[in-house]
Amino acid sequence: MIQMLKEIFEYRDLLWMLTFRDIRIRYKQAAMGFLWAIFMPLVAVLAGILIKKVMAVMIQEAIDYKGIISISVKVLPWTFFISAIRFSVQSLVGNRDLVTKIYFPRAVLPLSAVLACLFDMGISIIVLTILLMVFKIGFSFYLLLLPVFIFLLILFTAGLGLLLSSANLFYRDIKYVVEIILMFGIFFTPVFYSASSFGRWDVIMLFNPIGSLLEAIDQIVVFGKMPDPFWFGYAALTSLAMFYIGMVIFHKIEPLFAENI
């Protein structure tokens, strides 16, 4: 794996070039331009608020203000995750000419898709930070841990993207399976609600690595608390394991890409 990372580092200029290419293509002919990076999470937040409102009416309670902030905070990494997976799954098949004609570490294709989506999340985070300052949401010492969890999220997403992009090259229906899972995945991930709302069954939500990462980010940003050490360790181990598995499997079957694409 170290050799693979070294090779990717040697081709880092190509990685950045492909990343910027993906960003330019995405926004070049879009009427809203970079506002799309804000619009999509905003729609998800509004959907979450609507769900919160319906649930509040059903149980005859007022809407939890911090619950709305939590949705806003967790929607951003969730949107990054699903967007990065969607684009990375198609990255090899969508760059058929590059894969078959010239040599380079093919891993830069799904990785560039992930980095392009990270750019979108960066724009959204800037806007969210401004809103949190406007609404005077307190900032705590634990915010120093936020880059760690963002990094773990990137690792997990990149590893899964590598794995799924290589699988989609051999079995083209993988992309349809992924779309279905991503479509309904939000109902099994604590985005619109907190895992603690399930009581002792919260372990089911937190067993989902993305769920444990989102809950940790929520605890750090919204509540100014230290995330649960156990789930902190779980998120770190699963993220590192997914990245390692994705890199190793991708590299192992990479010689077969050109003849099967």
C-alpha atoms as a PDB file:
ATOM      1  CA  MET A   1       0.000   0.000   0.000  1.00  0.00           C
ATOM      2  CA  ILE A   2       2.871   2.382   0.742  1.00  0.00           C
ATOM      3  CA  GLN A   3       4.114   1.898  -2.816  1.00  0.00           C
ATOM      4  CA  MET A   4       0.642   2.713  -4.147  1.00  0.00           C
ATOM      5  CA  LEU A   5       0.496   5.938  -2.140  1.00  0.00           C
ATOM      6  CA  LYS A   6       3.964   6.912  -3.355  1.00  0.00           C
ATOM      7  CA  GLU A   7       2.900   6.374  -6.953  1.00  0.00           C
ATOM      8  CA  ILE A   8      -0.212   8.476  -6.470  1.00  0.00           C
ATOM      9  CA  PHE A   9       1.938  11.190  -4.907  1.00  0.00           C
ATOM     10  CA  GLU A  10       4.229  11.111  -7.946  1.00  0.00           C
ATOM     11  CA  TYR A  11       1.187  11.712 -10.133  1.00  0.00           C
ATOM     12  CA  ARG A  12      -0.264  14.365  -7.834  1.00  0.00           C
ATOM     13  CA  ASP A  13      -0.245  16.957 -10.637  1.00  0.00           C
ATOM     14  CA  LEU A  14      -2.524  14.695 -12.669  1.00  0.00           C
ATOM     15  CA  LEU A  15      -4.741  14.214  -9.618  1.00  0.00           C
ATOM     16  CA  TRP A  16      -5.153  17.984  -9.183  1.00  0.00           C
ATOM     17  CA  MET A  17      -5.701  18.477 -12.914  1.00  0.00           C
ATOM     18  CA  LEU A  18      -8.477  15.855 -13.001  1.00  0.00           C
ATOM     19  CA  THR A  19     -10.019  17.334  -9.855  1.00  0.00           C
ATOM     20  CA  PHE A  20     -10.151  20.830 -11.326  1.00  0.00           C
ATOM     21  CA  ARG A  21     -11.458  19.382 -14.581  1.00  0.00           C
ATOM     22  CA  ASP A  22     -14.347  17.718 -12.741  1.00  0.00           C
ATOM     23  CA  ILE A  23     -15.133  20.962 -10.919  1.00  0.00           C
ATOM     24  CA  ARG A  24     -15.078  23.000 -14.142  1.00  0.00           C
ATOM     25  CA  ILE A  25     -17.272  20.517 -16.009  1.00  0.00           C
ATOM     26  CA  ARG A  26     -19.774  20.461 -13.162  1.00  0.00           C
ATOM     27  CA  TYR A  27     -20.227  24.242 -13.029  1.00  0.00           C
ATOM     28  CA  LYS A  28     -19.254  25.431 -16.517  1.00  0.00           C
ATOM     29  CA  GLN A  29     -22.762  25.524 -17.993  1.00  0.00           C
ATOM     30  CA  ALA A  30     -24.741  25.619 -14.754  1.00  0.00           C
ATOM     31  CA  ALA A  31     -26.945  28.697 -14.444  1.00  0.00           C
ATOM     32  CA  MET A  32     -26.544  28.752 -10.656  1.00  0.00           C
ATOM     33  CA  GLY A  33     -22.805  28.120 -10.779  1.00  0.00           C
ATOM     34  CA  PHE A  34     -21.249  27.468  -7.390  1.00  0.00           C
ATOM     35  CA  LEU A  35     -24.598  28.100  -5.724  1.00  0.00           C
ATOM     36  CA  TRP A  36     -25.385  24.451  -6.483  1.00  0.00           C
ATOM     37  CA  ALA A  37     -22.927  23.547  -3.736  1.00  0.00           C
ATOM     38  CA  ILE A  38     -25.237  25.378  -1.322  1.00  0.00           C
ATOM     39  CA  PHE A  39     -28.581  24.588  -2.952  1.00  0.00           C
ATOM     40  CA  MET A  40     -28.436  20.791  -2.631  1.00  0.00           C
ATOM     41  CA  PRO A  41     -27.642  20.736   1.126  1.00  0.00           C
ATOM     42  CA  LEU A  42     -30.241  23.483   1.629  1.00  0.00           C
ATOM     43  CA  VAL A  43     -32.946  21.310   0.065  1.00  0.00           C
ATOM     44  CA  ALA A  44     -31.935  18.431   2.318  1.00  0.00           C
ATOM     45  CA  VAL A  45     -32.040  20.700   5.382  1.00  0.00           C
ATOM     46  CA  LEU A  46     -35.523  21.955   4.461  1.00  0.00           C
ATOM     47  CA  ALA A  47     -36.683  18.359   4.018  1.00  0.00           C
ATOM     48  CA  GLY A  48     -35.301  17.535   7.465  1.00  0.00           C
ATOM     49  CA  ILE A  49     -37.044  20.546   9.020  1.00  0.00           C
ATOM     50  CA  LEU A  50     -40.316  19.453   7.413  1.00  0.00           C
ATOM     51  CA  ILE A  51     -39.909  15.978   8.891  1.00  0.00           C
ATOM     52  CA  LYS A  52     -39.088  17.500  12.294  1.00  0.00           C
ATOM     53  CA  LYS A  53     -42.194  19.698  12.062  1.00  0.00           C
ATOM     54  CA  VAL A  54     -44.461  16.778  11.222  1.00  0.00           C
ATOM     55  CA  MET A  55     -43.047  14.712  14.090  1.00  0.00           C
ATOM     56  CA  ALA A  56     -43.410  17.653  16.493  1.00  0.00           C
ATOM     57  CA  VAL A  57     -47.068  18.083  15.515  1.00  0.00           C
ATOM     58  CA  MET A  58     -47.724  14.356  15.950  1.00  0.00           C
ATOM     59  CA  ILE A  59     -46.274  14.246  19.471  1.00  0.00           C
ATOM     60  CA  GLN A  60     -47.501  17.792  20.257  1.00  0.00           C
ATOM     61  CA  GLU A  61     -44.109  19.243  21.130  1.00  0.00           C
ATOM     62  CA  ALA A  62     -42.259  22.340  19.986  1.00  0.00           C
ATOM     63  CA  ILE A  63     -39.543  21.977  17.359  1.00  0.00           C
ATOM     64  CA  ASP A  64     -36.125  21.610  18.952  1.00  0.00           C
ATOM     65  CA  TYR A  65     -33.996  24.554  17.800  1.00  0.00           C
ATOM     66  CA  LYS A  66     -30.749  22.657  18.246  1.00  0.00           C
ATOM     67  CA  GLY A  67     -32.273  19.747  16.342  1.00  0.00           C
ATOM     68  CA  ILE A  68     -32.566  21.983  13.277  1.00  0.00           C
ATOM     69  CA  ILE A  69     -28.948  23.119  13.673  1.00  0.00           C
ATOM     70  CA  SER A  70     -27.903  19.467  13.974  1.00  0.00           C
ATOM     71  CA  ILE A  71     -29.623  18.650  10.697  1.00  0.00           C
ATOM     72  CA  SER A  72     -27.829  21.539   9.002  1.00  0.00           C
ATOM     73  CA  VAL A  73     -24.463  20.368  10.328  1.00  0.00           C
ATOM     74  CA  LYS A  74     -24.919  16.677   9.473  1.00  0.00           C
ATOM     75  CA  VAL A  75     -26.398  17.258   6.024  1.00  0.00           C
ATOM     76  CA  LEU A  76     -23.116  18.679   4.699  1.00  0.00           C
ATOM     77  CA  PRO A  77     -20.919  15.593   5.258  1.00  0.00           C
ATOM     78  CA  TRP A  78     -23.810  13.340   4.212  1.00  0.00           C
ATOM     79  CA  THR A  79     -24.236  15.250   0.942  1.00  0.00           C
ATOM     80  CA  PHE A  80     -20.488  15.044   0.365  1.00  0.00           C
ATOM     81  CA  PHE A  81     -20.550  11.292   0.963  1.00  0.00           C
ATOM     82  CA  ILE A  82     -23.380  10.441  -1.425  1.00  0.00           C
ATOM     83  CA  SER A  83     -22.124  12.821  -4.137  1.00  0.00           C
ATOM     84  CA  ALA A  84     -18.561  11.486  -3.931  1.00  0.00           C
ATOM     85  CA  ILE A  85     -19.745   7.874  -4.132  1.00  0.00           C
ATOM     86  CA  ARG A  86     -21.997   8.597  -7.114  1.00  0.00           C
ATOM     87  CA  PHE A  87     -19.242  10.316  -9.084  1.00  0.00           C
ATOM     88  CA  SER A  88     -16.452   7.917  -8.110  1.00  0.00           C
ATOM     89  CA  VAL A  89     -18.458   4.814  -9.076  1.00  0.00           C
ATOM     90  CA  GLN A  90     -18.615   6.096 -12.663  1.00  0.00           C
ATOM     91  CA  SER A  91     -15.087   7.521 -12.744  1.00  0.00           C
ATOM     92  CA  LEU A  92     -13.359   4.587 -14.476  1.00  0.00           C
ATOM     93  CA  VAL A  93     -16.083   3.825 -17.011  1.00  0.00           C
ATOM     94  CA  GLY A  94     -16.536   7.535 -17.753  1.00  0.00           C
ATOM     95  CA  ASN A  95     -12.818   7.919 -18.570  1.00  0.00           C
ATOM     96  CA  ARG A  96     -12.498   4.933 -20.882  1.00  0.00           C
ATOM     97  CA  ASP A  97      -9.991   6.624 -23.216  1.00  0.00           C
ATOM     98  CA  LEU A  98      -7.621   7.524 -20.397  1.00  0.00           C
ATOM     99  CA  VAL A  99      -7.767   4.041 -18.883  1.00  0.00           C
ATOM    100  CA  THR A 100      -7.019   2.232 -22.148  1.00  0.00           C
ATOM    101  CA  LYS A 101      -4.473   4.527 -23.839  1.00  0.00           C
ATOM    102  CA  ILE A 102      -1.968   5.870 -21.323  1.00  0.00           C
ATOM    103  CA  TYR A 103      -0.358   4.653 -18.131  1.00  0.00           C
ATOM    104  CA  PHE A 104      -0.991   6.303 -14.790  1.00  0.00           C
ATOM    105  CA  PRO A 105      -2.243   5.027 -11.421  1.00  0.00           C
ATOM    106  CA  ARG A 106      -5.953   4.582 -12.147  1.00  0.00           C
ATOM    107  CA  ALA A 107      -6.741   5.330  -8.514  1.00  0.00           C
ATOM    108  CA  VAL A 108      -6.422   9.043  -9.265  1.00  0.00           C
ATOM    109  CA  LEU A 109      -9.734   8.898 -11.180  1.00  0.00           C
ATOM    110  CA  PRO A 110     -12.028   7.956  -8.253  1.00  0.00           C
ATOM    111  CA  LEU A 111      -9.877  10.023  -5.900  1.00  0.00           C
ATOM    112  CA  SER A 112     -10.275  13.105  -8.086  1.00  0.00           C
ATOM    113  CA  ALA A 113     -14.057  12.593  -7.995  1.00  0.00           C
ATOM    114  CA  VAL A 114     -13.934  12.552  -4.197  1.00  0.00           C
ATOM    115  CA  LEU A 115     -11.761  15.684  -4.047  1.00  0.00           C
ATOM    116  CA  ALA A 116     -14.094  17.544  -6.422  1.00  0.00           C
ATOM    117  CA  CYS A 117     -17.004  16.836  -4.069  1.00  0.00           C
ATOM    118  CA  LEU A 118     -14.835  17.925  -1.151  1.00  0.00           C
ATOM    119  CA  PHE A 119     -14.580  21.320  -2.866  1.00  0.00           C
ATOM    120  CA  ASP A 120     -18.383  21.542  -2.815  1.00  0.00           C
ATOM    121  CA  MET A 121     -18.490  20.688   0.881  1.00  0.00           C
ATOM    122  CA  GLY A 122     -15.850  23.353   1.548  1.00  0.00           C
ATOM    123  CA  ILE A 123     -18.091  26.048   0.061  1.00  0.00           C
ATOM    124  CA  SER A 124     -21.059  24.810   2.109  1.00  0.00           C
ATOM    125  CA  ILE A 125     -18.996  24.743   5.312  1.00  0.00           C
ATOM    126  CA  ILE A 126     -18.005  28.396   4.826  1.00  0.00           C
ATOM    127  CA  VAL A 127     -21.658  29.395   4.459  1.00  0.00           C
ATOM    128  CA  LEU A 128     -22.707  27.266   7.452  1.00  0.00           C
ATOM    129  CA  THR A 129     -19.942  28.768   9.609  1.00  0.00           C
ATOM    130  CA  ILE A 130     -21.207  32.257   8.835  1.00  0.00           C
ATOM    131  CA  LEU A 131     -24.759  31.232   9.757  1.00  0.00           C
ATOM    132  CA  LEU A 132     -23.604  29.662  13.028  1.00  0.00           C
ATOM    133  CA  MET A 133     -21.819  32.895  13.898  1.00  0.00           C
ATOM    134  CA  VAL A 134     -24.934  34.918  13.044  1.00  0.00           C
ATOM    135  CA  PHE A 135     -27.112  32.733  15.278  1.00  0.00           C
ATOM    136  CA  LYS A 136     -24.412  32.850  17.982  1.00  0.00           C
ATOM    137  CA  ILE A 137     -23.828  29.121  18.256  1.00  0.00           C
ATOM    138  CA  GLY A 138     -20.988  28.680  20.720  1.00  0.00           C
ATOM    139  CA  PHE A 139     -17.631  27.266  19.696  1.00  0.00           C
ATOM    140  CA  SER A 140     -15.788  24.900  22.006  1.00  0.00           C
ATOM    141  CA  PHE A 141     -12.289  23.507  22.410  1.00  0.00           C
ATOM    142  CA  TYR A 142     -13.513  20.222  20.902  1.00  0.00           C
ATOM    143  CA  LEU A 143     -13.805  21.906  17.505  1.00  0.00           C
ATOM    144  CA  LEU A 144     -10.101  21.125  17.169  1.00  0.00           C
ATOM    145  CA  LEU A 145     -11.184  17.513  16.617  1.00  0.00           C
ATOM    146  CA  LEU A 146     -13.389  18.420  13.659  1.00  0.00           C
ATOM    147  CA  PRO A 147     -10.594  18.144  11.028  1.00  0.00           C
ATOM    148  CA  VAL A 148      -9.868  14.644  12.351  1.00  0.00           C
ATOM    149  CA  PHE A 149     -13.421  13.470  11.709  1.00  0.00           C
ATOM    150  CA  ILE A 150     -13.538  15.197   8.327  1.00  0.00           C
ATOM    151  CA  PHE A 151     -10.315  13.385   7.434  1.00  0.00           C
ATOM    152  CA  LEU A 152     -11.792  10.051   8.567  1.00  0.00           C
ATOM    153  CA  LEU A 153     -14.886  10.745   6.463  1.00  0.00           C
ATOM    154  CA  ILE A 154     -12.685  11.421   3.425  1.00  0.00           C
ATOM    155  CA  LEU A 155     -10.715   8.210   4.025  1.00  0.00           C
ATOM    156  CA  PHE A 156     -13.847   6.088   4.328  1.00  0.00           C
ATOM    157  CA  THR A 157     -15.438   7.692   1.247  1.00  0.00           C
ATOM    158  CA  ALA A 158     -12.262   7.360  -0.827  1.00  0.00           C
ATOM    159  CA  GLY A 159     -11.811   3.700   0.126  1.00  0.00           C
ATOM    160  CA  LEU A 160     -15.422   2.854  -0.666  1.00  0.00           C
ATOM    161  CA  GLY A 161     -15.218   4.845  -3.913  1.00  0.00           C
ATOM    162  CA  LEU A 162     -12.130   2.898  -5.008  1.00  0.00           C
ATOM    163  CA  LEU A 163     -13.845  -0.389  -4.219  1.00  0.00           C
ATOM    164  CA  LEU A 164     -17.125   0.425  -5.973  1.00  0.00           C
ATOM    165  CA  SER A 165     -15.536   2.059  -9.030  1.00  0.00           C
ATOM    166  CA  SER A 166     -13.465  -1.055  -9.730  1.00  0.00           C
ATOM    167  CA  ALA A 167     -16.475  -3.320  -9.143  1.00  0.00           C
ATOM    168  CA  ASN A 168     -18.612  -1.201 -11.494  1.00  0.00           C
ATOM    169  CA  LEU A 169     -16.052  -1.667 -14.260  1.00  0.00           C
ATOM    170  CA  PHE A 170     -16.625  -5.445 -14.215  1.00  0.00           C
ATOM    171  CA  TYR A 171     -20.319  -5.423 -13.289  1.00  0.00           C
ATOM    172  CA  ARG A 172     -22.085  -2.386 -14.740  1.00  0.00           C
ATOM    173  CA  ASP A 173     -25.216  -2.867 -12.656  1.00  0.00           C
ATOM    174  CA  ILE A 174     -23.252  -1.941  -9.522  1.00  0.00           C
ATOM    175  CA  LYS A 175     -24.055   1.721 -10.144  1.00  0.00           C
ATOM    176  CA  TYR A 176     -27.796   0.981  -9.995  1.00  0.00           C
ATOM    177  CA  VAL A 177     -27.429  -0.932  -6.737  1.00  0.00           C
ATOM    178  CA  VAL A 178     -25.407   1.954  -5.304  1.00  0.00           C
ATOM    179  CA  GLU A 179     -28.080   4.473  -6.339  1.00  0.00           C
ATOM    180  CA  ILE A 180     -30.787   2.470  -4.582  1.00  0.00           C
ATOM    181  CA  ILE A 181     -28.724   2.131  -1.415  1.00  0.00           C
ATOM    182  CA  LEU A 182     -27.864   5.841  -1.382  1.00  0.00           C
ATOM    183  CA  MET A 183     -31.492   6.792  -2.010  1.00  0.00           C
ATOM    184  CA  PHE A 184     -32.744   4.952   1.059  1.00  0.00           C
ATOM    185  CA  GLY A 185     -29.539   5.181   3.094  1.00  0.00           C
ATOM    186  CA  ILE A 186     -30.576   8.461   4.686  1.00  0.00           C
ATOM    187  CA  PHE A 187     -33.353   6.635   6.555  1.00  0.00           C
ATOM    188  CA  PHE A 188     -30.773   4.336   8.159  1.00  0.00           C
ATOM    189  CA  THR A 189     -28.302   7.124   8.960  1.00  0.00           C
ATOM    190  CA  PRO A 190     -28.793   9.708  11.742  1.00  0.00           C
ATOM    191  CA  VAL A 191     -29.040  12.776   9.526  1.00  0.00           C
ATOM    192  CA  PHE A 192     -32.575  14.038  10.215  1.00  0.00           C
ATOM    193  CA  TYR A 193     -32.554  12.712  13.760  1.00  0.00           C
ATOM    194  CA  SER A 194     -30.142  11.807  16.528  1.00  0.00           C
ATOM    195  CA  ALA A 195     -29.057   8.238  17.183  1.00  0.00           C
ATOM    196  CA  SER A 196     -29.918   8.780  20.859  1.00  0.00           C
ATOM    197  CA  SER A 197     -33.592   9.107  19.917  1.00  0.00           C
ATOM    198  CA  PHE A 198     -33.581   5.326  19.443  1.00  0.00           C
ATOM    199  CA  GLY A 199     -32.684   4.733  23.072  1.00  0.00           C
ATOM    200  CA  ARG A 200     -30.824   1.480  23.620  1.00  0.00           C
ATOM    201  CA  TRP A 201     -31.177   0.715  19.918  1.00  0.00           C
ATOM    202  CA  ASP A 202     -28.891   3.613  19.025  1.00  0.00           C
ATOM    203  CA  VAL A 203     -26.103   1.084  18.459  1.00  0.00           C
ATOM    204  CA  ILE A 204     -27.852   0.087  15.216  1.00  0.00           C
ATOM    205  CA  MET A 205     -27.466   3.623  13.859  1.00  0.00           C
ATOM    206  CA  LEU A 206     -23.935   4.058  15.188  1.00  0.00           C
ATOM    207  CA  PHE A 207     -22.790   0.730  13.755  1.00  0.00           C
ATOM    208  CA  ASN A 208     -23.079   2.454  10.383  1.00  0.00           C
ATOM    209  CA  PRO A 209     -19.606   4.087  10.088  1.00  0.00           C
ATOM    210  CA  ILE A 210     -21.069   7.188   8.439  1.00  0.00           C
ATOM    211  CA  GLY A 211     -23.622   7.400  11.246  1.00  0.00           C
ATOM    212  CA  SER A 212     -20.953   7.346  13.953  1.00  0.00           C
ATOM    213  CA  LEU A 213     -18.972  10.021  12.095  1.00  0.00           C
ATOM    214  CA  LEU A 214     -22.015  12.275  11.688  1.00  0.00           C
ATOM    215  CA  GLU A 215     -22.936  11.906  15.346  1.00  0.00           C
ATOM    216  CA  ALA A 216     -19.387  12.788  16.384  1.00  0.00           C
ATOM    217  CA  ILE A 217     -19.395  15.891  14.169  1.00  0.00           C
ATOM    218  CA  ASP A 218     -22.767  16.883  15.613  1.00  0.00           C
ATOM    219  CA  GLN A 219     -21.518  16.513  19.193  1.00  0.00           C
ATOM    220  CA  ILE A 220     -18.434  18.608  18.456  1.00  0.00           C
ATOM    221  CA  VAL A 221     -20.047  21.457  16.509  1.00  0.00           C
ATOM    222  CA  VAL A 222     -23.543  21.801  17.969  1.00  0.00           C
ATOM    223  CA  PHE A 223     -23.236  20.590  21.550  1.00  0.00           C
ATOM    224  CA  GLY A 224     -19.555  21.321  22.198  1.00  0.00           C
ATOM    225  CA  LYS A 225     -18.953  17.879  23.678  1.00  0.00           C
ATOM    226  CA  MET A 226     -16.338  15.187  23.362  1.00  0.00           C
ATOM    227  CA  PRO A 227     -17.647  12.331  21.181  1.00  0.00           C
ATOM    228  CA  ASP A 228     -18.027   8.923  22.771  1.00  0.00           C
ATOM    229  CA  PRO A 229     -14.482   7.437  22.884  1.00  0.00           C
ATOM    230  CA  PHE A 230     -15.695   3.981  21.845  1.00  0.00           C
ATOM    231  CA  TRP A 231     -17.473   5.225  18.715  1.00  0.00           C
ATOM    232  CA  PHE A 232     -14.577   7.600  18.072  1.00  0.00           C
ATOM    233  CA  GLY A 233     -12.263   4.599  17.912  1.00  0.00           C
ATOM    234  CA  TYR A 234     -14.783   2.616  15.891  1.00  0.00           C
ATOM    235  CA  ALA A 235     -15.073   5.399  13.300  1.00  0.00           C
ATOM    236  CA  ALA A 236     -11.298   5.679  13.052  1.00  0.00           C
ATOM    237  CA  LEU A 237     -10.742   1.927  12.648  1.00  0.00           C
ATOM    238  CA  THR A 238     -13.505   1.444  10.063  1.00  0.00           C
ATOM    239  CA  SER A 239     -12.356   4.455   8.043  1.00  0.00           C
ATOM    240  CA  LEU A 240      -8.735   3.293   7.973  1.00  0.00           C
ATOM    241  CA  ALA A 241      -9.810  -0.286   7.218  1.00  0.00           C
ATOM    242  CA  MET A 242     -12.085   0.800   4.354  1.00  0.00           C
ATOM    243  CA  PHE A 243      -9.352   2.926   2.801  1.00  0.00           C
ATOM    244  CA  TYR A 244      -6.834   0.110   3.106  1.00  0.00           C
ATOM    245  CA  ILE A 245      -9.211  -2.513   1.668  1.00  0.00           C
ATOM    246  CA  GLY A 246     -10.249  -0.220  -1.176  1.00  0.00           C
ATOM    247  CA  MET A 247      -6.648   0.606  -2.110  1.00  0.00           C
ATOM    248  CA  VAL A 248      -5.429  -3.013  -1.951  1.00  0.00           C
ATOM    249  CA  ILE A 249      -8.304  -4.509  -3.959  1.00  0.00           C
ATOM    250  CA  PHE A 250      -8.177  -1.693  -6.500  1.00  0.00           C
ATOM    251  CA  HIS A 251      -4.444  -2.184  -7.021  1.00  0.00           C
ATOM    252  CA  LYS A 252      -4.783  -5.967  -7.247  1.00  0.00           C
ATOM    253  CA  ILE A 253      -7.298  -5.904 -10.111  1.00  0.00           C
ATOM    254  CA  GLU A 254      -5.990  -2.744 -11.806  1.00  0.00           C
ATOM    255  CA  PRO A 255      -4.066  -4.732 -14.510  1.00  0.00           C
ATOM    256  CA  LEU A 256      -7.420  -6.105 -15.713  1.00  0.00           C
ATOM    257  CA  PHE A 257      -9.066  -2.715 -16.220  1.00  0.00           C
ATOM    258  CA  ALA A 258      -7.981  -2.014 -19.809  1.00  0.00           C
ATOM    259  CA  GLU A 259      -9.221  -5.334 -21.218  1.00  0.00           C
ATOM    260  CA  ASN A 260     -12.524  -5.282 -19.361  1.00  0.00           C
ATOM    261  CA  ILE A 261     -13.599  -1.676 -19.688  1.00  0.00           C
END
